[in-house]
Amino acid sequence: MEALIILLFSLAIIILMISFFKQDKIARLEEDLEQMTLTYMQDIYQLKKKVKILEEGFVIQVS
C-alpha cells in the first residue's frame, strides 16, 4: 500500500514537471492573433491614408 502511494505521488510530480516544460499552445495562438491584428490595423490605416489622398485629389480636380 505504501509503495502504491509513493508511486502515485512520484507520478504526480513527474506529470506536474512535464506540464511546466510543455509549450503552451494557447499562448502562442494569442501571440499570433495579436501580431495578425496589428498587421491588419496597419494595413487599414495605410489604406485610409491613401483613400484620403485620392479623395482630396478628386475634390481638387472637380473644383
PDB file of N, CA and C in Angstrom:
ATOM      1  N   MET A   1       0.832  -1.201   0.000  1.00  0.00           N
ATOM      2  CA  MET A   1       0.000   0.000   0.000  1.00  0.00           C
ATOM      3  C   MET A   1       0.869   1.255   0.000  1.00  0.00           C
ATOM      4  N   GLU A   2       1.913   1.250   0.821  1.00  0.00           N
ATOM      5  CA  GLU A   2       2.794   2.418   0.876  1.00  0.00           C
ATOM      6  C   GLU A   2       3.511   2.626  -0.449  1.00  0.00           C
ATOM      7  N   ALA A   3       3.878   1.515  -1.096  1.00  0.00           N
ATOM      8  CA  ALA A   3       4.571   1.603  -2.381  1.00  0.00           C
ATOM      9  C   ALA A   3       3.656   2.231  -3.429  1.00  0.00           C
ATOM     10  N   LEU A   4       2.373   1.920  -3.384  1.00  0.00           N
ATOM     11  CA  LEU A   4       1.411   2.485  -4.318  1.00  0.00           C
ATOM     12  C   LEU A   4       1.271   3.989  -4.114  1.00  0.00           C
ATOM     13  N   ILE A   5       1.215   4.428  -2.884  1.00  0.00           N
ATOM     14  CA  ILE A   5       1.104   5.858  -2.579  1.00  0.00           C
ATOM     15  C   ILE A   5       2.356   6.591  -3.051  1.00  0.00           C
ATOM     16  N   ILE A   6       3.528   6.016  -2.803  1.00  0.00           N
ATOM     17  CA  ILE A   6       4.778   6.629  -3.243  1.00  0.00           C
ATOM     18  C   ILE A   6       4.834   6.684  -4.770  1.00  0.00           C
ATOM     19  N   LEU A   7       4.391   5.627  -5.430  1.00  0.00           N
ATOM     20  CA  LEU A   7       4.372   5.574  -6.886  1.00  0.00           C
ATOM     21  C   LEU A   7       3.432   6.644  -7.459  1.00  0.00           C
ATOM     22  N   LEU A   8       2.244   6.750  -6.888  1.00  0.00           N
ATOM     23  CA  LEU A   8       1.286   7.763  -7.364  1.00  0.00           C
ATOM     24  C   LEU A   8       1.797   9.180  -7.112  1.00  0.00           C
ATOM     25  N   PHE A   9       2.410   9.397  -5.976  1.00  0.00           N
ATOM     26  CA  PHE A   9       2.960  10.717  -5.654  1.00  0.00           C
ATOM     27  C   PHE A   9       4.094  11.066  -6.622  1.00  0.00           C
ATOM     28  N   SER A  10       4.952  10.094  -6.908  1.00  0.00           N
ATOM     29  CA  SER A  10       6.045  10.314  -7.850  1.00  0.00           C
ATOM     30  C   SER A  10       5.508  10.609  -9.244  1.00  0.00           C
ATOM     31  N   LEU A  11       4.494   9.881  -9.653  1.00  0.00           N
ATOM     32  CA  LEU A  11       3.878  10.095 -10.957  1.00  0.00           C
ATOM     33  C   LEU A  11       3.255  11.497 -11.035  1.00  0.00           C
ATOM     34  N   ALA A  12       2.633  11.927  -9.970  1.00  0.00           N
ATOM     35  CA  ALA A  12       2.036  13.263  -9.947  1.00  0.00           C
ATOM     36  C   ALA A  12       3.104  14.340 -10.087  1.00  0.00           C
ATOM     37  N   ILE A  13       4.224  14.168  -9.418  1.00  0.00           N
ATOM     38  CA  ILE A  13       5.320  15.141  -9.509  1.00  0.00           C
ATOM     39  C   ILE A  13       5.888  15.175 -10.929  1.00  0.00           C
ATOM     40  N   ILE A  14       6.057  14.006 -11.538  1.00  0.00           N
ATOM     41  CA  ILE A  14       6.585  13.941 -12.907  1.00  0.00           C
ATOM     42  C   ILE A  14       5.621  14.626 -13.883  1.00  0.00           C
ATOM     43  N   ILE A  15       4.351  14.359 -13.752  1.00  0.00           N
ATOM     44  CA  ILE A  15       3.354  14.981 -14.636  1.00  0.00           C
ATOM     45  C   ILE A  15       3.324  16.493 -14.427  1.00  0.00           C
ATOM     46  N   LEU A  16       3.448  16.943 -13.194  1.00  0.00           N
ATOM     47  CA  LEU A  16       3.487  18.375 -12.906  1.00  0.00           C
ATOM     48  C   LEU A  16       4.695  19.032 -13.552  1.00  0.00           C
ATOM     49  N   MET A  17       5.849  18.379 -13.482  1.00  0.00           N
ATOM     50  CA  MET A  17       7.057  18.928 -14.089  1.00  0.00           C
ATOM     51  C   MET A  17       6.920  18.984 -15.615  1.00  0.00           C
ATOM     52  N   ILE A  18       6.343  17.967 -16.200  1.00  0.00           N
ATOM     53  CA  ILE A  18       6.125  17.953 -17.656  1.00  0.00           C
ATOM     54  C   ILE A  18       5.203  19.090 -18.068  1.00  0.00           C
ATOM     55  N   SER A  19       4.183  19.350 -17.272  1.00  0.00           N
ATOM     56  CA  SER A  19       3.231  20.414 -17.632  1.00  0.00           C
ATOM     57  C   SER A  19       3.900  21.790 -17.622  1.00  0.00           C
ATOM     58  N   PHE A  20       4.915  22.002 -16.805  1.00  0.00           N
ATOM     59  CA  PHE A  20       5.615  23.288 -16.785  1.00  0.00           C
ATOM     60  C   PHE A  20       6.503  23.463 -18.009  1.00  0.00           C
ATOM     61  N   PHE A  21       7.089  22.376 -18.485  1.00  0.00           N
ATOM     62  CA  PHE A  21       8.004  22.468 -19.616  1.00  0.00           C
ATOM     63  C   PHE A  21       7.312  22.352 -20.968  1.00  0.00           C
ATOM     64  N   LYS A  22       6.085  21.893 -20.972  1.00  0.00           N
ATOM     65  CA  LYS A  22       5.338  21.757 -22.219  1.00  0.00           C
ATOM     66  C   LYS A  22       5.016  23.150 -22.766  1.00  0.00           C
ATOM     67  N   GLN A  23       5.156  23.287 -24.088  1.00  0.00           N
ATOM     68  CA  GLN A  23       4.889  24.582 -24.714  1.00  0.00           C
ATOM     69  C   GLN A  23       3.393  24.867 -24.650  1.00  0.00           C
ATOM     70  N   ASP A  24       3.077  26.094 -24.279  1.00  0.00           N
ATOM     71  CA  ASP A  24       1.683  26.500 -24.152  1.00  0.00           C
ATOM     72  C   ASP A  24       1.153  26.912 -25.525  1.00  0.00           C
ATOM     73  N   LYS A  25       0.298  26.080 -26.101  1.00  0.00           N
ATOM     74  CA  LYS A  25      -0.216  26.338 -27.440  1.00  0.00           C
ATOM     75  C   LYS A  25      -1.162  27.531 -27.463  1.00  0.00           C
ATOM     76  N   ILE A  26      -1.923  27.720 -26.417  1.00  0.00           N
ATOM     77  CA  ILE A  26      -2.869  28.832 -26.379  1.00  0.00           C
ATOM     78  C   ILE A  26      -2.124  30.158 -26.331  1.00  0.00           C
ATOM     79  N   ALA A  27      -1.061  30.227 -25.574  1.00  0.00           N
ATOM     80  CA  ALA A  27      -0.279  31.466 -25.502  1.00  0.00           C
ATOM     81  C   ALA A  27       0.309  31.797 -26.874  1.00  0.00           C
ATOM     82  N   ARG A  28       0.769  30.786 -27.587  1.00  0.00           N
ATOM     83  CA  ARG A  28       1.325  31.027 -28.931  1.00  0.00           C
ATOM     84  C   ARG A  28       0.232  31.494 -29.884  1.00  0.00           C
ATOM     85  N   LEU A  29      -0.946  30.896 -29.793  1.00  0.00           N
ATOM     86  CA  LEU A  29      -2.053  31.332 -30.637  1.00  0.00           C
ATOM     87  C   LEU A  29      -2.443  32.774 -30.342  1.00  0.00           C
ATOM     88  N   GLU A  30      -2.439  33.140 -29.069  1.00  0.00           N
ATOM     89  CA  GLU A  30      -2.758  34.521 -28.695  1.00  0.00           C
ATOM     90  C   GLU A  30      -1.730  35.486 -29.268  1.00  0.00           C
ATOM     91  N   GLU A  31      -0.460  35.120 -29.218  1.00  0.00           N
ATOM     92  CA  GLU A  31       0.592  35.979 -29.779  1.00  0.00           C
ATOM     93  C   GLU A  31       0.429  36.120 -31.290  1.00  0.00           C
ATOM     94  N   ASP A  32       0.137  35.005 -31.959  1.00  0.00           N
ATOM     95  CA  ASP A  32      -0.063  35.053 -33.406  1.00  0.00           C
ATOM     96  C   ASP A  32      -1.263  35.924 -33.771  1.00  0.00           C
ATOM     97  N   LEU A  33      -2.338  35.783 -33.019  1.00  0.00           N
ATOM     98  CA  LEU A  33      -3.531  36.582 -33.271  1.00  0.00           C
ATOM     99  C   LEU A  33      -3.262  38.063 -33.042  1.00  0.00           C
ATOM    100  N   GLU A  34      -2.525  38.375 -31.997  1.00  0.00           N
ATOM    101  CA  GLU A  34      -2.183  39.770 -31.712  1.00  0.00           C
ATOM    102  C   GLU A  34      -1.324  40.360 -32.834  1.00  0.00           C
ATOM    103  N   GLN A  35      -0.352  39.599 -33.300  1.00  0.00           N
ATOM    104  CA  GLN A  35       0.512  40.070 -34.384  1.00  0.00           C
ATOM    105  C   GLN A  35      -0.290  40.270 -35.669  1.00  0.00           C
ATOM    106  N   MET A  36      -1.191  39.342 -35.959  1.00  0.00           N
ATOM    107  CA  MET A  36      -2.014  39.453 -37.155  1.00  0.00           C
ATOM    108  C   MET A  36      -2.940  40.663 -37.058  1.00  0.00           C
ATOM    109  N   THR A  37      -3.497  40.912 -35.897  1.00  0.00           N
ATOM    110  CA  THR A  37      -4.370  42.059 -35.693  1.00  0.00           C
ATOM    111  C   THR A  37      -3.607  43.361 -35.897  1.00  0.00           C
ATOM    112  N   LEU A  38      -2.403  43.446 -35.364  1.00  0.00           N
ATOM    113  CA  LEU A  38      -1.596  44.649 -35.547  1.00  0.00           C
ATOM    114  C   LEU A  38      -1.270  44.873 -37.022  1.00  0.00           C
ATOM    115  N   THR A  39      -0.962  43.803 -37.725  1.00  0.00           N
ATOM    116  CA  THR A  39      -0.662  43.911 -39.154  1.00  0.00           C
ATOM    117  C   THR A  39      -1.880  44.425 -39.915  1.00  0.00           C
ATOM    118  N   TYR A  40      -3.053  43.868 -39.619  1.00  0.00           N
ATOM    119  CA  TYR A  40      -4.273  44.319 -40.294  1.00  0.00           C
ATOM    120  C   TYR A  40      -4.583  45.770 -39.968  1.00  0.00           C
ATOM    121  N   MET A  41      -4.378  46.167 -38.723  1.00  0.00           N
ATOM    122  CA  MET A  41      -4.643  47.558 -38.338  1.00  0.00           C
ATOM    123  C   MET A  41      -3.713  48.509 -39.093  1.00  0.00           C
ATOM    124  N   GLN A  42      -2.452  48.129 -39.245  1.00  0.00           N
ATOM    125  CA  GLN A  42      -1.508  48.957 -40.002  1.00  0.00           C
ATOM    126  C   GLN A  42      -1.920  49.045 -41.462  1.00  0.00           C
ATOM    127  N   ASP A  43      -2.344  47.925 -42.033  1.00  0.00           N
ATOM    128  CA  ASP A  43      -2.786  47.918 -43.429  1.00  0.00           C
ATOM    129  C   ASP A  43      -4.011  48.814 -43.620  1.00  0.00           C
ATOM    130  N   ILE A  44      -4.965  48.726 -42.711  1.00  0.00           N
ATOM    131  CA  ILE A  44      -6.172  49.543 -42.797  1.00  0.00           C
ATOM    132  C   ILE A  44      -5.824  51.025 -42.677  1.00  0.00           C
ATOM    133  N   TYR A  45      -4.919  51.367 -41.780  1.00  0.00           N
ATOM    134  CA  TYR A  45      -4.502  52.756 -41.606  1.00  0.00           C
ATOM    135  C   TYR A  45      -3.871  53.284 -42.891  1.00  0.00           C
ATOM    136  N   GLN A  46      -2.999  52.497 -43.496  1.00  0.00           N
ATOM    137  CA  GLN A  46      -2.353  52.926 -44.738  1.00  0.00           C
ATOM    138  C   GLN A  46      -3.369  53.078 -45.866  1.00  0.00           C
ATOM    139  N   LEU A  47      -4.338  52.156 -45.943  1.00  0.00           N
ATOM    140  CA  LEU A  47      -5.368  52.266 -46.972  1.00  0.00           C
ATOM    141  C   LEU A  47      -6.233  53.506 -46.770  1.00  0.00           C
ATOM    142  N   LYS A  48      -6.565  53.814 -45.526  1.00  0.00           N
ATOM    143  CA  LYS A  48      -7.362  55.011 -45.245  1.00  0.00           C
ATOM    144  C   LYS A  48      -6.603  56.270 -45.640  1.00  0.00           C
ATOM    145  N   LYS A  49      -5.296  56.296 -45.380  1.00  0.00           N
ATOM    146  CA  LYS A  49      -4.491  57.447 -45.783  1.00  0.00           C
ATOM    147  C   LYS A  49      -4.506  57.602 -47.303  1.00  0.00           C
ATOM    148  N   LYS A  50      -4.361  56.503 -48.029  1.00  0.00           N
ATOM    149  CA  LYS A  50      -4.354  56.553 -49.488  1.00  0.00           C
ATOM    150  C   LYS A  50      -5.705  57.003 -50.032  1.00  0.00           C
ATOM    151  N   VAL A  51      -6.787  56.514 -49.437  1.00  0.00           N
ATOM    152  CA  VAL A  51      -8.127  56.912 -49.871  1.00  0.00           C
ATOM    153  C   VAL A  51      -8.329  58.407 -49.621  1.00  0.00           C
ATOM    154  N   LYS A  52      -7.863  58.898 -48.480  1.00  0.00           N
ATOM    155  CA  LYS A  52      -7.993  60.325 -48.171  1.00  0.00           C
ATOM    156  C   LYS A  52      -7.241  61.169 -49.202  1.00  0.00           C
ATOM    157  N   ILE A  53      -6.032  60.734 -49.572  1.00  0.00           N
ATOM    158  CA  ILE A  53      -5.246  61.467 -50.571  1.00  0.00           C
ATOM    159  C   ILE A  53      -5.971  61.451 -51.919  1.00  0.00           C
ATOM    160  N   LEU A  54      -6.525  60.303 -52.296  1.00  0.00           N
ATOM    161  CA  LEU A  54      -7.261  60.220 -53.557  1.00  0.00           C
ATOM    162  C   LEU A  54      -8.510  61.091 -53.539  1.00  0.00           C
ATOM    163  N   GLU A  55      -9.222  61.118 -52.416  1.00  0.00           N
ATOM    164  CA  GLU A  55     -10.420  61.952 -52.302  1.00  0.00           C
ATOM    165  C   GLU A  55     -10.042  63.428 -52.414  1.00  0.00           C
ATOM    166  N   GLU A  56      -8.954  63.838 -51.765  1.00  0.00           N
ATOM    167  CA  GLU A  56      -8.528  65.228 -51.852  1.00  0.00           C
ATOM    168  C   GLU A  56      -8.142  65.589 -53.287  1.00  0.00           C
ATOM    169  N   GLY A  57      -7.475  64.664 -53.982  1.00  0.00           N
ATOM    170  CA  GLY A  57      -7.127  64.906 -55.380  1.00  0.00           C
ATOM    171  C   GLY A  57      -8.365  65.002 -56.251  1.00  0.00           C
ATOM    172  N   PHE A  58      -9.366  64.206 -55.980  1.00  0.00           N
ATOM    173  CA  PHE A  58     -10.610  64.237 -56.740  1.00  0.00           C
ATOM    174  C   PHE A  58     -11.348  65.555 -56.506  1.00  0.00           C
ATOM    175  N   VAL A  59     -11.378  66.028 -55.251  1.00  0.00           N
ATOM    176  CA  VAL A  59     -12.059  67.287 -54.928  1.00  0.00           C
ATOM    177  C   VAL A  59     -11.358  68.442 -55.635  1.00  0.00           C
ATOM    178  N   ILE A  60     -10.055  68.428 -55.686  1.00  0.00           N
ATOM    179  CA  ILE A  60      -9.281  69.497 -56.354  1.00  0.00           C
ATOM    180  C   ILE A  60      -9.581  69.481 -57.855  1.00  0.00           C
ATOM    181  N   GLN A  61      -9.683  68.307 -58.468  1.00  0.00           N
ATOM    182  CA  GLN A  61      -9.939  68.218 -59.913  1.00  0.00           C
ATOM    183  C   GLN A  61     -11.359  68.647 -60.249  1.00  0.00           C
ATOM    184  N   VAL A  62     -12.332  68.371 -59.386  1.00  0.00           N
ATOM    185  CA  VAL A  62     -13.712  68.743 -59.638  1.00  0.00           C
ATOM    186  C   VAL A  62     -13.887  70.252 -59.510  1.00  0.00           C
ATOM    187  N   SER A  63     -13.159  70.873 -58.626  1.00  0.00           N
ATOM    188  CA  SER A  63     -13.315  72.315 -58.383  1.00  0.00           C
ATOM    189  C   SER A  63     -12.817  73.071 -59.508  1.00  0.00           C
TER     190      SER A  63
END
